[in-house]
Amino acid sequence: MEDDVLSHSDPATGLPVGPRANRASGPDYTPEQLLEAVLASVDDDKAEGIVQIDLRGRSDVADYMVICSGRSSRQVAAISEKLADRVKQGFGIVSKMEGKETGDWVLIDTGDVIVHVFRPEVREFYQLEKMWLPSGDALRGSVV
């Protein structure tokens, strides 16, 4: 018998699911539709420095990553809360969220799209873009 490795949890139920390629049935939306909604939400809430990173073929955790900044802890928390609410209303996804209490760096896991919302100083310190973008992409216009 082959062992299934559980790669992450289903955003709607929170239950562990197998590797992305082996899922029995897909949701009623595509990862690209979810990404579009995430980008629209953070843009509507005046997030700055919005960057999208294609993770397909590079990670089993998600298809896309979005990184953006808010000008203050209060704006970071508001961007995150509104995004989670919009994803729930539009797609029925209950997002997992970490870091909202402090508002320095909030991670929102919607399943197919992982979103990081930072205060500018914290974003500069961690430099996630450098870790995930191929070298030079940050200079060639990966910013949305």
C-alpha atoms as a PDB file:
ATOM      1  CA  MET A   1       0.000   0.000   0.000  1.00  0.00           C
ATOM      2  CA  GLU A   2       1.267   3.462  -0.918  1.00  0.00           C
ATOM      3  CA  ASP A   3       1.404   6.100   1.815  1.00  0.00           C
ATOM      4  CA  ASP A   4      -0.330   9.394   1.021  1.00  0.00           C
ATOM      5  CA  VAL A   5       1.467  12.454   2.288  1.00  0.00           C
ATOM      6  CA  LEU A   6      -0.915  15.151   3.437  1.00  0.00           C
ATOM      7  CA  SER A   7       0.319  18.368   1.920  1.00  0.00           C
ATOM      8  CA  HIS A   8      -2.036  20.969   3.393  1.00  0.00           C
ATOM      9  CA  SER A   9      -5.580  21.525   4.565  1.00  0.00           C
ATOM     10  CA  ASP A  10      -8.720  22.213   2.583  1.00  0.00           C
ATOM     11  CA  PRO A  11      -9.519  25.934   2.994  1.00  0.00           C
ATOM     12  CA  ALA A  12     -13.267  25.290   3.178  1.00  0.00           C
ATOM     13  CA  THR A  13     -13.168  22.583   5.867  1.00  0.00           C
ATOM     14  CA  GLY A  14      -9.736  22.837   7.464  1.00  0.00           C
ATOM     15  CA  LEU A  15      -9.276  19.080   7.038  1.00  0.00           C
ATOM     16  CA  PRO A  16      -5.990  17.683   5.696  1.00  0.00           C
ATOM     17  CA  VAL A  17      -5.936  16.868   1.991  1.00  0.00           C
ATOM     18  CA  GLY A  18      -3.514  14.912  -0.158  1.00  0.00           C
ATOM     19  CA  PRO A  19      -1.117  16.354  -2.693  1.00  0.00           C
ATOM     20  CA  ARG A  20      -2.753  18.883  -5.019  1.00  0.00           C
ATOM     21  CA  ALA A  21      -2.571  16.699  -8.130  1.00  0.00           C
ATOM     22  CA  ASN A  22      -4.444  13.815  -6.435  1.00  0.00           C
ATOM     23  CA  ARG A  23      -7.563  15.648  -5.279  1.00  0.00           C
ATOM     24  CA  ALA A  24     -10.774  13.901  -6.275  1.00  0.00           C
ATOM     25  CA  SER A  25     -12.908  16.908  -7.140  1.00  0.00           C
ATOM     26  CA  GLY A  26     -12.012  20.528  -7.624  1.00  0.00           C
ATOM     27  CA  PRO A  27     -13.763  23.652  -6.443  1.00  0.00           C
ATOM     28  CA  ASP A  28     -16.169  25.691  -8.565  1.00  0.00           C
ATOM     29  CA  TYR A  29     -13.488  28.267  -9.325  1.00  0.00           C
ATOM     30  CA  THR A  30      -9.977  28.254 -10.727  1.00  0.00           C
ATOM     31  CA  PRO A  31      -6.859  29.378  -8.866  1.00  0.00           C
ATOM     32  CA  GLU A  32      -6.614  32.202 -11.412  1.00  0.00           C
ATOM     33  CA  GLN A  33     -10.111  33.449 -10.522  1.00  0.00           C
ATOM     34  CA  LEU A  34      -9.202  33.400  -6.839  1.00  0.00           C
ATOM     35  CA  LEU A  35      -5.933  35.218  -7.581  1.00  0.00           C
ATOM     36  CA  GLU A  36      -7.827  37.880  -9.540  1.00  0.00           C
ATOM     37  CA  ALA A  37     -10.207  38.402  -6.611  1.00  0.00           C
ATOM     38  CA  VAL A  38      -7.306  38.616  -4.132  1.00  0.00           C
ATOM     39  CA  LEU A  39      -5.490  41.183  -6.281  1.00  0.00           C
ATOM     40  CA  ALA A  40      -8.674  43.243  -6.682  1.00  0.00           C
ATOM     41  CA  SER A  41      -9.326  43.152  -2.929  1.00  0.00           C
ATOM     42  CA  VAL A  42      -5.878  44.324  -1.845  1.00  0.00           C
ATOM     43  CA  ASP A  43      -5.871  46.971  -4.582  1.00  0.00           C
ATOM     44  CA  ASP A  44      -9.315  48.241  -3.498  1.00  0.00           C
ATOM     45  CA  ASP A  45      -7.977  48.614   0.044  1.00  0.00           C
ATOM     46  CA  LYS A  46      -5.009  50.695  -1.169  1.00  0.00           C
ATOM     47  CA  ALA A  47      -2.291  48.099  -0.499  1.00  0.00           C
ATOM     48  CA  GLU A  48       1.089  49.184  -1.856  1.00  0.00           C
ATOM     49  CA  GLY A  49       3.810  47.308  -3.733  1.00  0.00           C
ATOM     50  CA  ILE A  50       1.553  44.439  -4.767  1.00  0.00           C
ATOM     51  CA  VAL A  51       3.575  41.521  -6.134  1.00  0.00           C
ATOM     52  CA  GLN A  52       2.199  38.240  -7.448  1.00  0.00           C
ATOM     53  CA  ILE A  53       4.402  35.146  -7.611  1.00  0.00           C
ATOM     54  CA  ASP A  54       3.556  32.040  -9.628  1.00  0.00           C
ATOM     55  CA  LEU A  55       4.272  28.981  -7.464  1.00  0.00           C
ATOM     56  CA  ARG A  56       2.906  26.360  -9.867  1.00  0.00           C
ATOM     57  CA  GLY A  57       5.468  23.594 -10.222  1.00  0.00           C
ATOM     58  CA  ARG A  58       7.539  25.069  -7.378  1.00  0.00           C
ATOM     59  CA  SER A  59       5.353  24.333  -4.355  1.00  0.00           C
ATOM     60  CA  ASP A  60       2.530  21.972  -3.397  1.00  0.00           C
ATOM     61  CA  VAL A  61       1.233  24.472  -0.844  1.00  0.00           C
ATOM     62  CA  ALA A  62      -0.377  26.949  -3.269  1.00  0.00           C
ATOM     63  CA  ASP A  63      -0.489  28.017  -6.909  1.00  0.00           C
ATOM     64  CA  TYR A  64       0.192  31.702  -6.256  1.00  0.00           C
ATOM     65  CA  MET A  65       1.613  34.009  -3.618  1.00  0.00           C
ATOM     66  CA  VAL A  66       0.710  37.665  -3.258  1.00  0.00           C
ATOM     67  CA  ILE A  67       2.867  40.060  -1.244  1.00  0.00           C
ATOM     68  CA  CYS A  68       1.797  43.613  -0.450  1.00  0.00           C
ATOM     69  CA  SER A  69       2.166  46.352   2.151  1.00  0.00           C
ATOM     70  CA  GLY A  70      -0.072  48.549   4.226  1.00  0.00           C
ATOM     71  CA  ARG A  71       1.128  51.890   5.557  1.00  0.00           C
ATOM     72  CA  SER A  72       0.329  51.083   9.212  1.00  0.00           C
ATOM     73  CA  SER A  73      -0.543  48.157  11.470  1.00  0.00           C
ATOM     74  CA  ARG A  74      -4.167  49.243  11.357  1.00  0.00           C
ATOM     75  CA  GLN A  75      -4.224  49.228   7.530  1.00  0.00           C
ATOM     76  CA  VAL A  76      -2.437  45.844   7.392  1.00  0.00           C
ATOM     77  CA  ALA A  77      -5.109  44.356   9.676  1.00  0.00           C
ATOM     78  CA  ALA A  78      -7.940  45.994   7.697  1.00  0.00           C
ATOM     79  CA  ILE A  79      -6.609  44.766   4.325  1.00  0.00           C
ATOM     80  CA  SER A  80      -6.348  41.259   5.774  1.00  0.00           C
ATOM     81  CA  GLU A  81      -9.797  41.224   7.377  1.00  0.00           C
ATOM     82  CA  LYS A  82     -11.514  42.542   4.265  1.00  0.00           C
ATOM     83  CA  LEU A  83      -9.678  40.062   2.047  1.00  0.00           C
ATOM     84  CA  ALA A  84     -10.710  37.124   4.236  1.00  0.00           C
ATOM     85  CA  ASP A  85     -14.319  38.355   4.235  1.00  0.00           C
ATOM     86  CA  ARG A  86     -14.395  38.860   0.445  1.00  0.00           C
ATOM     87  CA  VAL A  87     -12.910  35.404  -0.198  1.00  0.00           C
ATOM     88  CA  LYS A  88     -15.510  33.864   2.132  1.00  0.00           C
ATOM     89  CA  GLN A  89     -18.385  35.750   0.490  1.00  0.00           C
ATOM     90  CA  GLY A  90     -17.239  35.194  -3.094  1.00  0.00           C
ATOM     91  CA  PHE A  91     -15.807  31.675  -2.942  1.00  0.00           C
ATOM     92  CA  GLY A  92     -17.024  30.107   0.300  1.00  0.00           C
ATOM     93  CA  ILE A  93     -13.441  29.795   1.547  1.00  0.00           C
ATOM     94  CA  VAL A  94     -12.745  30.210   5.235  1.00  0.00           C
ATOM     95  CA  SER A  95      -9.200  31.572   5.147  1.00  0.00           C
ATOM     96  CA  LYS A  96      -6.665  30.836   7.818  1.00  0.00           C
ATOM     97  CA  MET A  97      -5.005  33.964   9.135  1.00  0.00           C
ATOM     98  CA  GLU A  98      -1.891  34.467  11.263  1.00  0.00           C
ATOM     99  CA  GLY A  99      -0.484  37.694  12.716  1.00  0.00           C
ATOM    100  CA  LYS A 100      -3.527  39.949  12.593  1.00  0.00           C
ATOM    101  CA  GLU A 101      -3.218  40.784  16.293  1.00  0.00           C
ATOM    102  CA  THR A 102       0.043  42.701  15.845  1.00  0.00           C
ATOM    103  CA  GLY A 103      -0.535  43.914  12.281  1.00  0.00           C
ATOM    104  CA  ASP A 104       3.149  43.777  11.331  1.00  0.00           C
ATOM    105  CA  TRP A 105       2.914  40.771   9.004  1.00  0.00           C
ATOM    106  CA  VAL A 106      -0.347  38.975   8.319  1.00  0.00           C
ATOM    107  CA  LEU A 107      -0.426  35.707   6.423  1.00  0.00           C
ATOM    108  CA  ILE A 108      -3.739  34.740   4.809  1.00  0.00           C
ATOM    109  CA  ASP A 109      -4.027  31.187   3.478  1.00  0.00           C
ATOM    110  CA  THR A 110      -6.880  30.871   0.977  1.00  0.00           C
ATOM    111  CA  GLY A 111      -5.705  27.479  -0.262  1.00  0.00           C
ATOM    112  CA  ASP A 112      -4.677  28.236  -3.837  1.00  0.00           C
ATOM    113  CA  VAL A 113      -3.326  31.709  -3.029  1.00  0.00           C
ATOM    114  CA  ILE A 114      -1.130  32.587  -0.058  1.00  0.00           C
ATOM    115  CA  VAL A 115      -1.179  36.294   0.810  1.00  0.00           C
ATOM    116  CA  HIS A 116       1.374  38.200   2.902  1.00  0.00           C
ATOM    117  CA  VAL A 117       0.443  41.711   4.036  1.00  0.00           C
ATOM    118  CA  PHE A 118       3.298  43.613   5.671  1.00  0.00           C
ATOM    119  CA  ARG A 119       4.109  46.926   7.217  1.00  0.00           C
ATOM    120  CA  PRO A 120       6.851  48.354   4.940  1.00  0.00           C
ATOM    121  CA  GLU A 121       9.678  48.018   7.498  1.00  0.00           C
ATOM    122  CA  VAL A 122       8.850  44.371   8.189  1.00  0.00           C
ATOM    123  CA  ARG A 123       8.580  43.590   4.490  1.00  0.00           C
ATOM    124  CA  GLU A 124      11.993  45.125   3.868  1.00  0.00           C
ATOM    125  CA  PHE A 125      13.500  43.087   6.695  1.00  0.00           C
ATOM    126  CA  TYR A 126      12.198  39.679   5.495  1.00  0.00           C
ATOM    127  CA  GLN A 127      12.436  40.308   1.729  1.00  0.00           C
ATOM    128  CA  LEU A 128      10.197  37.389   0.695  1.00  0.00           C
ATOM    129  CA  GLU A 129      10.286  38.507  -2.929  1.00  0.00           C
ATOM    130  CA  LYS A 130      14.002  37.733  -3.099  1.00  0.00           C
ATOM    131  CA  MET A 131      13.344  34.225  -1.797  1.00  0.00           C
ATOM    132  CA  TRP A 132      10.555  33.346  -4.241  1.00  0.00           C
ATOM    133  CA  LEU A 133      11.102  35.383  -7.392  1.00  0.00           C
ATOM    134  CA  PRO A 134      13.663  34.185  -9.947  1.00  0.00           C
ATOM    135  CA  SER A 135      16.666  36.515  -9.861  1.00  0.00           C
ATOM    136  CA  GLY A 136      16.002  39.786 -11.609  1.00  0.00           C
ATOM    137  CA  ASP A 137      12.185  39.436 -11.741  1.00  0.00           C
ATOM    138  CA  ALA A 138      11.701  41.991  -8.984  1.00  0.00           C
ATOM    139  CA  LEU A 139      13.390  44.519 -11.259  1.00  0.00           C
ATOM    140  CA  ARG A 140      11.501  43.500 -14.405  1.00  0.00           C
ATOM    141  CA  GLY A 141       7.967  44.347 -13.337  1.00  0.00           C
ATOM    142  CA  SER A 142       6.490  41.534 -11.259  1.00  0.00           C
ATOM    143  CA  VAL A 143       4.755  44.233  -9.286  1.00  0.00           C
ATOM    144  CA  VAL A 144       1.045  44.321 -10.098  1.00  0.00           C
END
